[in-house]
Amino acid sequence: MTTIVLADDEALLRTALAALLPMEGDVTVLAEASDGETAVEATLRHEPDVLVIDLEMPGVDGLGAVAEIRRTHPEQVVLMLTRHARPGVLRKALKLGVQGFVSKSAEPAHISSVIATLHAGKRWIDPDVSALAVTEDNPLTDREADVLRVTGEGYSVADIAARLHLAPGTVRNYLSNAMRKTQTRTRHEAARYAREHDWL
């Protein structure tokens, strides 16, 4: 018997999965959630074997919810449902320790078997999802990404330097590299471009 919390903002899909998963495998749905915040509360309250969570949800998204849960429950097993996992998103999720990825269009029987696989301590990434993940399209170094992330919050070069414990000249170098790589004219454009491409 595997217990799950099921989080998805699409009510039709969520209720269908909640009804079908127990029929397909030895699965008990402890709670359902329609957004990231409720998913966090339900997971911390019920402590399911596996959290099955949609990547894209209003407010706190799937990644935000998992990050929040990891703070107090670092061992929580997570299966992420996704329509189109972009490389940057997938890498972030893997860094957070998400153990499984399944396409939202997968059959309930497949999702059920993946839940069992994760509960047994293994990992699973659907082939169509992993094919997207290995498309390494991010030209930014970690430091360039850090600088752009803080730039996007509206800080000046001096503020960025102070926040990241770097010299202002070093920050300017990272920013000009990032602007060159994103082919943009200003650091704010570069930050916006990088965010749109899921590089931050």
N, C-alpha and C. Protein backbone atom coordinates (compact mmCIF):
# COMPACT_ATOMS: atom_id res chain seq x y z
N MET A 1 0.85 -1.21 0.00
CA MET A 1 0.00 0.00 0.00
C MET A 1 0.88 1.25 0.00
N THR A 2 0.63 2.15 -0.97
CA THR A 2 1.37 3.40 -1.05
C THR A 2 0.41 4.56 -0.85
N THR A 3 0.72 5.44 0.10
CA THR A 3 -0.15 6.60 0.33
C THR A 3 0.38 7.80 -0.45
N ILE A 4 -0.54 8.60 -0.99
CA ILE A 4 -0.11 9.78 -1.75
C ILE A 4 -0.94 11.01 -1.38
N VAL A 5 -0.34 12.18 -1.59
CA VAL A 5 -1.08 13.44 -1.65
C VAL A 5 -1.02 13.85 -3.11
N LEU A 6 -2.15 14.25 -3.67
CA LEU A 6 -2.25 14.55 -5.10
C LEU A 6 -2.52 16.03 -5.27
N ALA A 7 -1.59 16.74 -5.90
CA ALA A 7 -1.72 18.20 -6.06
C ALA A 7 -1.71 18.58 -7.54
N ASP A 8 -2.81 19.18 -7.99
CA ASP A 8 -2.93 19.63 -9.38
C ASP A 8 -4.03 20.66 -9.43
N ASP A 9 -3.80 21.78 -10.13
CA ASP A 9 -4.82 22.82 -10.16
C ASP A 9 -5.94 22.52 -11.17
N GLU A 10 -5.72 21.53 -12.06
CA GLU A 10 -6.78 21.15 -13.00
C GLU A 10 -7.72 20.16 -12.31
N ALA A 11 -8.86 20.66 -11.89
CA ALA A 11 -9.79 19.86 -11.08
C ALA A 11 -10.19 18.55 -11.76
N LEU A 12 -10.45 18.63 -13.06
CA LEU A 12 -10.90 17.44 -13.79
C LEU A 12 -9.84 16.35 -13.76
N LEU A 13 -8.61 16.74 -14.06
CA LEU A 13 -7.51 15.77 -14.08
C LEU A 13 -7.26 15.22 -12.68
N ARG A 14 -7.27 16.12 -11.69
CA ARG A 14 -6.98 15.70 -10.32
C ARG A 14 -8.02 14.69 -9.80
N THR A 15 -9.30 14.99 -10.02
CA THR A 15 -10.34 14.09 -9.52
C THR A 15 -10.32 12.77 -10.28
N ALA A 16 -10.01 12.84 -11.59
CA ALA A 16 -9.92 11.60 -12.38
C ALA A 16 -8.79 10.72 -11.85
N LEU A 17 -7.63 11.34 -11.60
CA LEU A 17 -6.49 10.56 -11.09
C LEU A 17 -6.79 10.02 -9.69
N ALA A 18 -7.43 10.84 -8.87
CA ALA A 18 -7.76 10.40 -7.50
C ALA A 18 -8.67 9.17 -7.53
N ALA A 19 -9.54 9.11 -8.53
CA ALA A 19 -10.45 7.97 -8.66
C ALA A 19 -9.76 6.77 -9.30
N LEU A 20 -8.90 7.04 -10.31
CA LEU A 20 -8.33 5.94 -11.10
C LEU A 20 -7.08 5.30 -10.49
N LEU A 21 -6.24 6.08 -9.84
CA LEU A 21 -4.99 5.51 -9.31
C LEU A 21 -5.22 4.35 -8.33
N PRO A 22 -6.18 4.47 -7.39
CA PRO A 22 -6.42 3.33 -6.48
C PRO A 22 -6.92 2.08 -7.22
N MET A 23 -7.57 2.29 -8.39
CA MET A 23 -8.05 1.14 -9.17
C MET A 23 -6.91 0.47 -9.94
N GLU A 24 -5.89 1.27 -10.27
CA GLU A 24 -4.77 0.75 -11.08
C GLU A 24 -3.70 0.08 -10.24
N GLY A 25 -3.58 0.50 -9.00
CA GLY A 25 -2.50 -0.06 -8.17
C GLY A 25 -2.87 0.03 -6.71
N ASP A 26 -1.94 -0.32 -5.85
CA ASP A 26 -2.19 -0.33 -4.41
C ASP A 26 -1.93 1.07 -3.85
N VAL A 27 -2.79 2.02 -4.25
CA VAL A 27 -2.57 3.43 -3.92
C VAL A 27 -3.75 3.96 -3.11
N THR A 28 -3.43 4.69 -2.04
CA THR A 28 -4.47 5.38 -1.25
C THR A 28 -4.21 6.88 -1.32
N VAL A 29 -5.21 7.64 -1.75
CA VAL A 29 -5.09 9.10 -1.82
C VAL A 29 -5.51 9.68 -0.46
N LEU A 30 -4.55 10.26 0.25
CA LEU A 30 -4.82 10.81 1.59
C LEU A 30 -5.47 12.19 1.51
N ALA A 31 -5.06 12.96 0.48
CA ALA A 31 -5.60 14.32 0.35
C ALA A 31 -5.34 14.82 -1.07
N GLU A 32 -6.17 15.80 -1.47
CA GLU A 32 -5.98 16.46 -2.77
C GLU A 32 -5.70 17.94 -2.51
N ALA A 33 -4.95 18.55 -3.41
CA ALA A 33 -4.66 19.98 -3.29
C ALA A 33 -4.76 20.62 -4.66
N SER A 34 -5.27 21.86 -4.70
CA SER A 34 -5.46 22.54 -5.99
C SER A 34 -4.42 23.63 -6.22
N ASP A 35 -3.52 23.84 -5.25
CA ASP A 35 -2.44 24.82 -5.45
C ASP A 35 -1.25 24.43 -4.57
N GLY A 36 -0.14 25.13 -4.79
CA GLY A 36 1.10 24.78 -4.10
C GLY A 36 1.03 24.93 -2.60
N GLU A 37 0.36 25.99 -2.15
CA GLU A 37 0.27 26.25 -0.71
C GLU A 37 -0.48 25.12 0.01
N THR A 38 -1.61 24.72 -0.59
CA THR A 38 -2.40 23.63 0.00
C THR A 38 -1.62 22.32 -0.07
N ALA A 39 -0.84 22.16 -1.14
CA ALA A 39 -0.03 20.93 -1.29
C ALA A 39 0.98 20.82 -0.15
N VAL A 40 1.60 21.95 0.19
CA VAL A 40 2.57 21.96 1.30
C VAL A 40 1.88 21.57 2.61
N GLU A 41 0.74 22.23 2.89
CA GLU A 41 0.01 21.95 4.14
C GLU A 41 -0.40 20.48 4.21
N ALA A 42 -0.98 19.97 3.11
CA ALA A 42 -1.48 18.58 3.09
C ALA A 42 -0.33 17.58 3.26
N THR A 43 0.80 17.87 2.62
CA THR A 43 1.95 16.95 2.69
C THR A 43 2.53 16.93 4.11
N LEU A 44 2.66 18.09 4.71
CA LEU A 44 3.22 18.15 6.07
C LEU A 44 2.27 17.52 7.07
N ARG A 45 0.96 17.65 6.81
CA ARG A 45 -0.02 17.09 7.75
C ARG A 45 -0.13 15.57 7.61
N HIS A 46 -0.21 15.08 6.36
CA HIS A 46 -0.48 13.65 6.13
C HIS A 46 0.77 12.78 5.99
N GLU A 47 1.91 13.44 5.67
CA GLU A 47 3.18 12.70 5.46
C GLU A 47 2.98 11.46 4.56
N PRO A 48 2.61 11.68 3.29
CA PRO A 48 2.38 10.56 2.38
C PRO A 48 3.68 9.88 1.98
N ASP A 49 3.57 8.64 1.49
CA ASP A 49 4.77 7.96 0.96
C ASP A 49 5.31 8.73 -0.25
N VAL A 50 4.38 9.20 -1.08
CA VAL A 50 4.78 9.92 -2.30
C VAL A 50 3.87 11.14 -2.48
N LEU A 51 4.48 12.29 -2.76
CA LEU A 51 3.73 13.48 -3.14
C LEU A 51 3.68 13.51 -4.67
N VAL A 52 2.47 13.49 -5.23
CA VAL A 52 2.31 13.58 -6.69
C VAL A 52 1.84 15.00 -6.96
N ILE A 53 2.71 15.80 -7.61
CA ILE A 53 2.44 17.24 -7.72
C ILE A 53 2.66 17.75 -9.14
N ASP A 54 1.76 18.63 -9.55
CA ASP A 54 1.86 19.27 -10.85
C ASP A 54 2.96 20.34 -10.79
N LEU A 55 3.71 20.44 -11.87
CA LEU A 55 4.79 21.42 -11.92
C LEU A 55 4.24 22.84 -11.95
N GLU A 56 3.23 23.07 -12.79
CA GLU A 56 2.72 24.43 -12.99
C GLU A 56 1.39 24.61 -12.28
N MET A 57 1.42 25.43 -11.22
CA MET A 57 0.19 25.72 -10.48
C MET A 57 0.19 27.20 -10.12
N PRO A 58 -1.00 27.77 -9.89
CA PRO A 58 -1.06 29.20 -9.53
C PRO A 58 -0.44 29.45 -8.16
N GLY A 59 0.02 30.68 -7.96
CA GLY A 59 0.65 31.01 -6.66
C GLY A 59 1.97 30.29 -6.54
N VAL A 60 2.09 29.49 -5.50
CA VAL A 60 3.31 28.70 -5.30
C VAL A 60 3.27 27.53 -6.29
N ASP A 61 4.24 27.46 -7.21
CA ASP A 61 4.22 26.36 -8.19
C ASP A 61 4.78 25.07 -7.58
N GLY A 62 4.84 24.02 -8.39
CA GLY A 62 5.31 22.73 -7.90
C GLY A 62 6.70 22.79 -7.30
N LEU A 63 7.62 23.50 -7.97
CA LEU A 63 9.00 23.60 -7.47
C LEU A 63 9.04 24.34 -6.13
N GLY A 64 8.26 25.43 -6.05
CA GLY A 64 8.22 26.21 -4.80
C GLY A 64 7.69 25.38 -3.65
N ALA A 65 6.65 24.59 -3.95
CA ALA A 65 6.05 23.74 -2.91
C ALA A 65 7.05 22.68 -2.44
N VAL A 66 7.76 22.06 -3.40
CA VAL A 66 8.73 21.02 -3.04
C VAL A 66 9.86 21.63 -2.20
N ALA A 67 10.32 22.81 -2.60
CA ALA A 67 11.40 23.47 -1.84
C ALA A 67 10.96 23.72 -0.40
N GLU A 68 9.72 24.16 -0.24
CA GLU A 68 9.15 24.44 1.09
C GLU A 68 9.08 23.15 1.92
N ILE A 69 8.59 22.08 1.31
CA ILE A 69 8.45 20.79 2.01
C ILE A 69 9.82 20.24 2.41
N ARG A 70 10.79 20.39 1.51
CA ARG A 70 12.15 19.86 1.75
C ARG A 70 12.78 20.46 3.01
N ARG A 71 12.38 21.70 3.35
CA ARG A 71 12.99 22.35 4.53
C ARG A 71 12.78 21.53 5.79
N THR A 72 11.57 20.96 5.93
CA THR A 72 11.30 20.20 7.16
C THR A 72 11.22 18.70 6.91
N HIS A 73 10.95 18.31 5.67
CA HIS A 73 10.84 16.88 5.33
C HIS A 73 11.76 16.56 4.15
N PRO A 74 13.09 16.58 4.40
CA PRO A 74 14.03 16.39 3.29
C PRO A 74 13.91 15.03 2.61
N GLU A 75 13.30 14.05 3.29
CA GLU A 75 13.20 12.70 2.73
C GLU A 75 11.93 12.49 1.90
N GLN A 76 11.07 13.50 1.83
CA GLN A 76 9.78 13.31 1.12
C GLN A 76 10.01 12.89 -0.34
N VAL A 77 9.39 11.79 -0.73
CA VAL A 77 9.48 11.32 -2.12
C VAL A 77 8.50 12.12 -2.97
N VAL A 78 8.97 12.59 -4.14
CA VAL A 78 8.15 13.46 -4.98
C VAL A 78 8.10 12.94 -6.42
N LEU A 79 6.88 12.87 -6.95
CA LEU A 79 6.67 12.58 -8.36
C LEU A 79 6.06 13.83 -8.97
N MET A 80 6.74 14.40 -9.98
CA MET A 80 6.25 15.62 -10.59
C MET A 80 5.56 15.31 -11.91
N LEU A 81 4.36 15.87 -12.07
CA LEU A 81 3.62 15.75 -13.32
C LEU A 81 3.89 16.99 -14.15
N THR A 82 4.17 16.81 -15.43
CA THR A 82 4.48 17.98 -16.25
C THR A 82 3.99 17.81 -17.68
N ARG A 83 3.61 18.93 -18.28
CA ARG A 83 3.21 18.90 -19.69
C ARG A 83 4.42 19.08 -20.58
N HIS A 84 5.24 20.04 -20.23
CA HIS A 84 6.42 20.34 -21.05
C HIS A 84 7.54 20.81 -20.14
N ALA A 85 8.36 19.87 -19.70
CA ALA A 85 9.45 20.23 -18.79
C ALA A 85 10.57 20.88 -19.58
N ARG A 86 10.78 22.16 -19.35
CA ARG A 86 11.89 22.83 -20.02
C ARG A 86 13.17 22.46 -19.26
N PRO A 87 14.31 22.47 -19.97
CA PRO A 87 15.56 22.02 -19.35
C PRO A 87 15.87 22.69 -18.02
N GLY A 88 15.71 24.03 -17.97
CA GLY A 88 16.03 24.75 -16.74
C GLY A 88 15.19 24.29 -15.57
N VAL A 89 13.90 24.07 -15.84
CA VAL A 89 12.97 23.64 -14.79
C VAL A 89 13.34 22.24 -14.29
N LEU A 90 13.64 21.37 -15.24
CA LEU A 90 13.98 20.00 -14.88
C LEU A 90 15.25 19.96 -14.03
N ARG A 91 16.22 20.76 -14.42
CA ARG A 91 17.47 20.79 -13.64
C ARG A 91 17.22 21.30 -12.23
N LYS A 92 16.38 22.34 -12.11
CA LYS A 92 16.05 22.86 -10.78
C LYS A 92 15.39 21.78 -9.92
N ALA A 93 14.45 21.05 -10.54
CA ALA A 93 13.73 20.01 -9.82
C ALA A 93 14.68 18.90 -9.36
N LEU A 94 15.61 18.52 -10.24
CA LEU A 94 16.56 17.47 -9.88
C LEU A 94 17.47 17.94 -8.75
N LYS A 95 17.84 19.22 -8.78
CA LYS A 95 18.65 19.79 -7.68
C LYS A 95 17.88 19.73 -6.37
N LEU A 96 16.55 19.91 -6.45
CA LEU A 96 15.71 19.84 -5.25
C LEU A 96 15.52 18.40 -4.77
N GLY A 97 15.96 17.45 -5.60
CA GLY A 97 15.85 16.05 -5.20
C GLY A 97 14.55 15.37 -5.60
N VAL A 98 13.85 15.93 -6.59
CA VAL A 98 12.62 15.28 -7.09
C VAL A 98 13.02 13.94 -7.70
N GLN A 99 12.35 12.86 -7.29
CA GLN A 99 12.76 11.51 -7.72
C GLN A 99 12.12 11.06 -9.02
N GLY A 100 10.98 11.65 -9.39
CA GLY A 100 10.30 11.15 -10.57
C GLY A 100 9.62 12.23 -11.38
N PHE A 101 9.59 12.01 -12.70
CA PHE A 101 8.89 12.91 -13.63
C PHE A 101 8.03 12.08 -14.56
N VAL A 102 6.78 12.45 -14.68
CA VAL A 102 5.88 11.77 -15.61
C VAL A 102 5.10 12.82 -16.39
N SER A 103 4.87 12.55 -17.66
CA SER A 103 4.07 13.44 -18.48
C SER A 103 2.62 13.39 -18.00
N LYS A 104 1.96 14.57 -17.99
CA LYS A 104 0.57 14.62 -17.54
C LYS A 104 -0.35 13.84 -18.47
N SER A 105 0.12 13.54 -19.67
CA SER A 105 -0.73 12.80 -20.62
C SER A 105 -0.58 11.29 -20.46
N ALA A 106 0.23 10.86 -19.48
CA ALA A 106 0.46 9.41 -19.28
C ALA A 106 -0.82 8.72 -18.79
N GLU A 107 -0.91 7.44 -19.09
CA GLU A 107 -2.04 6.63 -18.61
C GLU A 107 -1.98 6.50 -17.08
N PRO A 108 -3.13 6.48 -16.40
CA PRO A 108 -3.14 6.29 -14.94
C PRO A 108 -2.37 5.03 -14.51
N ALA A 109 -2.45 3.96 -15.31
CA ALA A 109 -1.74 2.72 -14.95
C ALA A 109 -0.23 2.96 -14.90
N HIS A 110 0.26 3.78 -15.84
CA HIS A 110 1.69 4.10 -15.87
C HIS A 110 2.07 4.95 -14.66
N ILE A 111 1.25 5.96 -14.38
CA ILE A 111 1.53 6.84 -13.22
C ILE A 111 1.54 6.00 -11.94
N SER A 112 0.59 5.07 -11.84
CA SER A 112 0.51 4.20 -10.67
C SER A 112 1.77 3.35 -10.52
N SER A 113 2.27 2.82 -11.64
CA SER A 113 3.47 1.98 -11.55
C SER A 113 4.70 2.81 -11.19
N VAL A 114 4.74 4.07 -11.66
CA VAL A 114 5.87 4.95 -11.31
C VAL A 114 5.81 5.29 -9.82
N ILE A 115 4.62 5.51 -9.28
CA ILE A 115 4.47 5.78 -7.84
C ILE A 115 5.07 4.60 -7.05
N ALA A 116 4.76 3.37 -7.48
CA ALA A 116 5.29 2.18 -6.81
C ALA A 116 6.81 2.12 -6.93
N THR A 117 7.33 2.47 -8.10
CA THR A 117 8.78 2.48 -8.34
C THR A 117 9.48 3.45 -7.39
N LEU A 118 8.91 4.66 -7.24
CA LEU A 118 9.51 5.67 -6.36
C LEU A 118 9.41 5.24 -4.90
N HIS A 119 8.28 4.65 -4.54
CA HIS A 119 8.09 4.18 -3.17
C HIS A 119 9.10 3.09 -2.81
N ALA A 120 9.55 2.36 -3.84
CA ALA A 120 10.54 1.31 -3.62
C ALA A 120 11.97 1.87 -3.57
N GLY A 121 12.07 3.21 -3.63
CA GLY A 121 13.39 3.84 -3.48
C GLY A 121 14.14 4.07 -4.78
N LYS A 122 13.45 3.86 -5.91
CA LYS A 122 14.11 4.08 -7.21
C LYS A 122 13.67 5.42 -7.79
N ARG A 123 14.29 5.76 -8.92
CA ARG A 123 13.94 7.02 -9.61
C ARG A 123 13.27 6.69 -10.93
N TRP A 124 12.54 7.66 -11.49
CA TRP A 124 11.94 7.45 -12.80
C TRP A 124 11.75 8.79 -13.50
N ILE A 125 12.26 8.88 -14.73
CA ILE A 125 11.98 10.05 -15.55
C ILE A 125 11.48 9.54 -16.90
N ASP A 126 10.27 9.94 -17.28
CA ASP A 126 9.72 9.51 -18.56
C ASP A 126 10.68 9.89 -19.69
N PRO A 127 10.86 9.01 -20.66
CA PRO A 127 11.80 9.29 -21.75
C PRO A 127 11.52 10.60 -22.48
N ASP A 128 10.25 10.92 -22.72
CA ASP A 128 9.98 12.17 -23.45
C ASP A 128 10.33 13.39 -22.61
N VAL A 129 10.24 13.25 -21.29
CA VAL A 129 10.62 14.36 -20.40
C VAL A 129 12.14 14.49 -20.35
N SER A 130 12.84 13.34 -20.23
CA SER A 130 14.31 13.41 -20.11
C SER A 130 14.96 13.86 -21.41
N ALA A 131 14.33 13.58 -22.54
CA ALA A 131 14.88 14.04 -23.82
C ALA A 131 14.96 15.56 -23.83
N LEU A 132 13.94 16.20 -23.25
CA LEU A 132 13.95 17.67 -23.16
C LEU A 132 15.03 18.15 -22.20
N ALA A 133 15.22 17.40 -21.14
CA ALA A 133 16.14 17.84 -20.09
C ALA A 133 17.58 17.86 -20.53
N VAL A 134 17.93 16.94 -21.43
CA VAL A 134 19.34 16.86 -21.80
C VAL A 134 19.71 17.88 -22.87
N THR A 135 18.71 18.61 -23.35
CA THR A 135 19.01 19.68 -24.30
C THR A 135 19.62 20.83 -23.51
N GLU A 136 20.91 20.81 -23.38
CA GLU A 136 21.61 21.79 -22.54
C GLU A 136 21.73 23.09 -23.33
N ASP A 137 20.81 24.01 -23.09
CA ASP A 137 20.79 25.22 -23.90
C ASP A 137 21.17 26.47 -23.11
N ASN A 138 21.61 26.29 -21.87
CA ASN A 138 21.91 27.45 -21.03
C ASN A 138 23.39 27.81 -21.12
N PRO A 139 23.72 28.93 -21.76
CA PRO A 139 25.13 29.30 -21.91
C PRO A 139 25.71 30.02 -20.69
N LEU A 140 24.86 30.37 -19.72
CA LEU A 140 25.32 31.16 -18.57
C LEU A 140 26.05 30.30 -17.55
N THR A 141 27.12 30.85 -16.98
CA THR A 141 27.76 30.17 -15.85
C THR A 141 26.90 30.40 -14.61
N ASP A 142 27.15 29.64 -13.55
CA ASP A 142 26.37 29.81 -12.32
C ASP A 142 26.47 31.23 -11.78
N ARG A 143 27.69 31.80 -11.85
CA ARG A 143 27.90 33.16 -11.32
C ARG A 143 27.16 34.20 -12.16
N GLU A 144 27.18 34.04 -13.49
CA GLU A 144 26.45 34.98 -14.36
C GLU A 144 24.95 34.91 -14.06
N ALA A 145 24.47 33.69 -13.83
CA ALA A 145 23.06 33.52 -13.50
C ALA A 145 22.73 34.18 -12.16
N ASP A 146 23.62 34.02 -11.18
CA ASP A 146 23.42 34.65 -9.86
C ASP A 146 23.29 36.16 -10.00
N VAL A 147 24.19 36.75 -10.78
CA VAL A 147 24.21 38.20 -10.95
C VAL A 147 22.93 38.68 -11.65
N LEU A 148 22.50 37.94 -12.66
CA LEU A 148 21.26 38.31 -13.38
C LEU A 148 20.04 38.17 -12.47
N ARG A 149 20.06 37.15 -11.64
CA ARG A 149 18.92 36.91 -10.73
C ARG A 149 18.74 38.12 -9.81
N VAL A 150 19.86 38.60 -9.25
CA VAL A 150 19.79 39.76 -8.34
C VAL A 150 19.47 41.03 -9.12
N THR A 151 20.00 41.15 -10.35
CA THR A 151 19.68 42.30 -11.21
C THR A 151 18.18 42.39 -11.43
N GLY A 152 17.56 41.24 -11.66
CA GLY A 152 16.12 41.19 -11.91
C GLY A 152 15.31 41.70 -10.74
N GLU A 153 15.93 41.74 -9.56
CA GLU A 153 15.22 42.25 -8.37
C GLU A 153 15.41 43.77 -8.22
N GLY A 154 16.07 44.37 -9.21
CA GLY A 154 16.18 45.83 -9.24
C GLY A 154 17.36 46.43 -8.51
N TYR A 155 18.35 45.63 -8.17
CA TYR A 155 19.51 46.17 -7.44
C TYR A 155 20.54 46.80 -8.37
N SER A 156 21.27 47.78 -7.84
CA SER A 156 22.35 48.41 -8.60
C SER A 156 23.58 47.50 -8.59
N VAL A 157 24.57 47.83 -9.42
CA VAL A 157 25.80 47.04 -9.48
C VAL A 157 26.46 46.97 -8.10
N ALA A 158 26.49 48.11 -7.40
CA ALA A 158 27.11 48.15 -6.06
C ALA A 158 26.35 47.23 -5.09
N ASP A 159 25.02 47.28 -5.17
CA ASP A 159 24.19 46.43 -4.30
C ASP A 159 24.42 44.95 -4.61
N ILE A 160 24.47 44.63 -5.91
CA ILE A 160 24.68 43.24 -6.33
C ILE A 160 26.03 42.75 -5.79
N ALA A 161 27.05 43.60 -5.95
CA ALA A 161 28.39 43.25 -5.48
C ALA A 161 28.37 42.95 -3.98
N ALA A 162 27.68 43.82 -3.22
CA ALA A 162 27.61 43.63 -1.76
C ALA A 162 26.86 42.34 -1.42
N ARG A 163 25.73 42.11 -2.11
CA ARG A 163 24.91 40.94 -1.80
C ARG A 163 25.62 39.63 -2.13
N LEU A 164 26.40 39.64 -3.22
CA LEU A 164 27.07 38.40 -3.65
C LEU A 164 28.53 38.32 -3.20
N HIS A 165 28.95 39.32 -2.42
CA HIS A 165 30.34 39.37 -1.92
C HIS A 165 31.35 39.33 -3.06
N LEU A 166 31.10 40.18 -4.06
CA LEU A 166 32.00 40.29 -5.21
C LEU A 166 32.43 41.75 -5.36
N ALA A 167 33.50 41.96 -6.12
CA ALA A 167 33.91 43.33 -6.42
C ALA A 167 32.99 43.88 -7.52
N PRO A 168 32.68 45.19 -7.48
CA PRO A 168 31.81 45.77 -8.51
C PRO A 168 32.32 45.50 -9.94
N GLY A 169 33.65 45.54 -10.12
CA GLY A 169 34.22 45.26 -11.45
C GLY A 169 33.92 43.84 -11.92
N THR A 170 33.97 42.91 -10.96
CA THR A 170 33.67 41.50 -11.28
C THR A 170 32.20 41.36 -11.69
N VAL A 171 31.32 42.06 -10.97
CA VAL A 171 29.89 42.04 -11.30
C VAL A 171 29.68 42.58 -12.72
N ARG A 172 30.37 43.71 -13.03
CA ARG A 172 30.24 44.29 -14.38
C ARG A 172 30.70 43.30 -15.45
N ASN A 173 31.77 42.57 -15.17
CA ASN A 173 32.26 41.56 -16.14
C ASN A 173 31.22 40.47 -16.36
N TYR A 174 30.65 39.96 -15.26
CA TYR A 174 29.62 38.91 -15.37
C TYR A 174 28.42 39.43 -16.17
N LEU A 175 28.03 40.69 -15.88
CA LEU A 175 26.87 41.26 -16.57
C LEU A 175 27.15 41.43 -18.06
N SER A 176 28.36 41.91 -18.41
CA SER A 176 28.64 42.10 -19.84
C SER A 176 28.72 40.76 -20.56
N ASN A 177 29.27 39.72 -19.89
CA ASN A 177 29.27 38.37 -20.48
C ASN A 177 27.83 37.89 -20.72
N ALA A 178 26.99 38.11 -19.72
CA ALA A 178 25.59 37.66 -19.80
C ALA A 178 24.86 38.41 -20.92
N MET A 179 25.13 39.71 -21.04
CA MET A 179 24.49 40.51 -22.10
C MET A 179 24.95 40.04 -23.48
N ARG A 180 26.23 39.69 -23.57
CA ARG A 180 26.74 39.19 -24.85
C ARG A 180 26.07 37.85 -25.21
N LYS A 181 25.98 36.96 -24.21
CA LYS A 181 25.41 35.63 -24.46
C LYS A 181 23.91 35.69 -24.78
N THR A 182 23.22 36.67 -24.19
CA THR A 182 21.77 36.77 -24.44
C THR A 182 21.48 37.74 -25.58
N GLN A 183 22.54 38.36 -26.10
CA GLN A 183 22.41 39.34 -27.21
C GLN A 183 21.41 40.44 -26.85
N THR A 184 21.60 40.98 -25.65
CA THR A 184 20.72 42.07 -25.20
C THR A 184 21.57 43.30 -24.92
N ARG A 185 20.89 44.46 -24.81
CA ARG A 185 21.62 45.73 -24.66
C ARG A 185 21.81 46.15 -23.21
N THR A 186 20.89 45.74 -22.34
CA THR A 186 21.01 46.16 -20.94
C THR A 186 20.96 44.93 -20.03
N ARG A 187 21.42 45.12 -18.81
CA ARG A 187 21.42 43.99 -17.87
C ARG A 187 20.01 43.56 -17.53
N HIS A 188 19.06 44.55 -17.53
CA HIS A 188 17.67 44.19 -17.21
C HIS A 188 17.05 43.36 -18.33
N GLU A 189 17.39 43.71 -19.58
CA GLU A 189 16.93 42.90 -20.72
C GLU A 189 17.52 41.50 -20.63
N ALA A 190 18.80 41.43 -20.25
CA ALA A 190 19.47 40.12 -20.14
C ALA A 190 18.79 39.27 -19.07
N ALA A 191 18.45 39.90 -17.93
CA ALA A 191 17.79 39.17 -16.84
C ALA A 191 16.42 38.67 -17.30
N ARG A 192 15.70 39.54 -18.02
CA ARG A 192 14.36 39.15 -18.51
C ARG A 192 14.49 37.99 -19.51
N TYR A 193 15.46 38.10 -20.41
CA TYR A 193 15.67 37.06 -21.43
C TYR A 193 16.01 35.72 -20.76
N ALA A 194 16.89 35.77 -19.79
CA ALA A 194 17.33 34.55 -19.10
C ALA A 194 16.17 33.92 -18.34
N ARG A 195 15.34 34.78 -17.73
CA ARG A 195 14.19 34.24 -16.98
C ARG A 195 13.18 33.59 -17.92
N GLU A 196 12.94 34.25 -19.06
CA GLU A 196 11.99 33.70 -20.05
C GLU A 196 12.46 32.34 -20.58
N HIS A 197 13.78 32.17 -20.65
CA HIS A 197 14.33 30.91 -21.17
C HIS A 197 14.63 29.89 -20.07
N ASP A 198 14.16 30.20 -18.85
CA ASP A 198 14.34 29.29 -17.71
C ASP A 198 15.80 29.01 -17.38
N TRP A 199 16.63 30.04 -17.53
CA TRP A 199 18.04 29.87 -17.20
C TRP A 199 18.34 30.30 -15.78
N LEU A 200 17.37 30.94 -15.12
CA LEU A 200 17.61 31.43 -13.75
C LEU A 200 16.89 30.56 -12.74
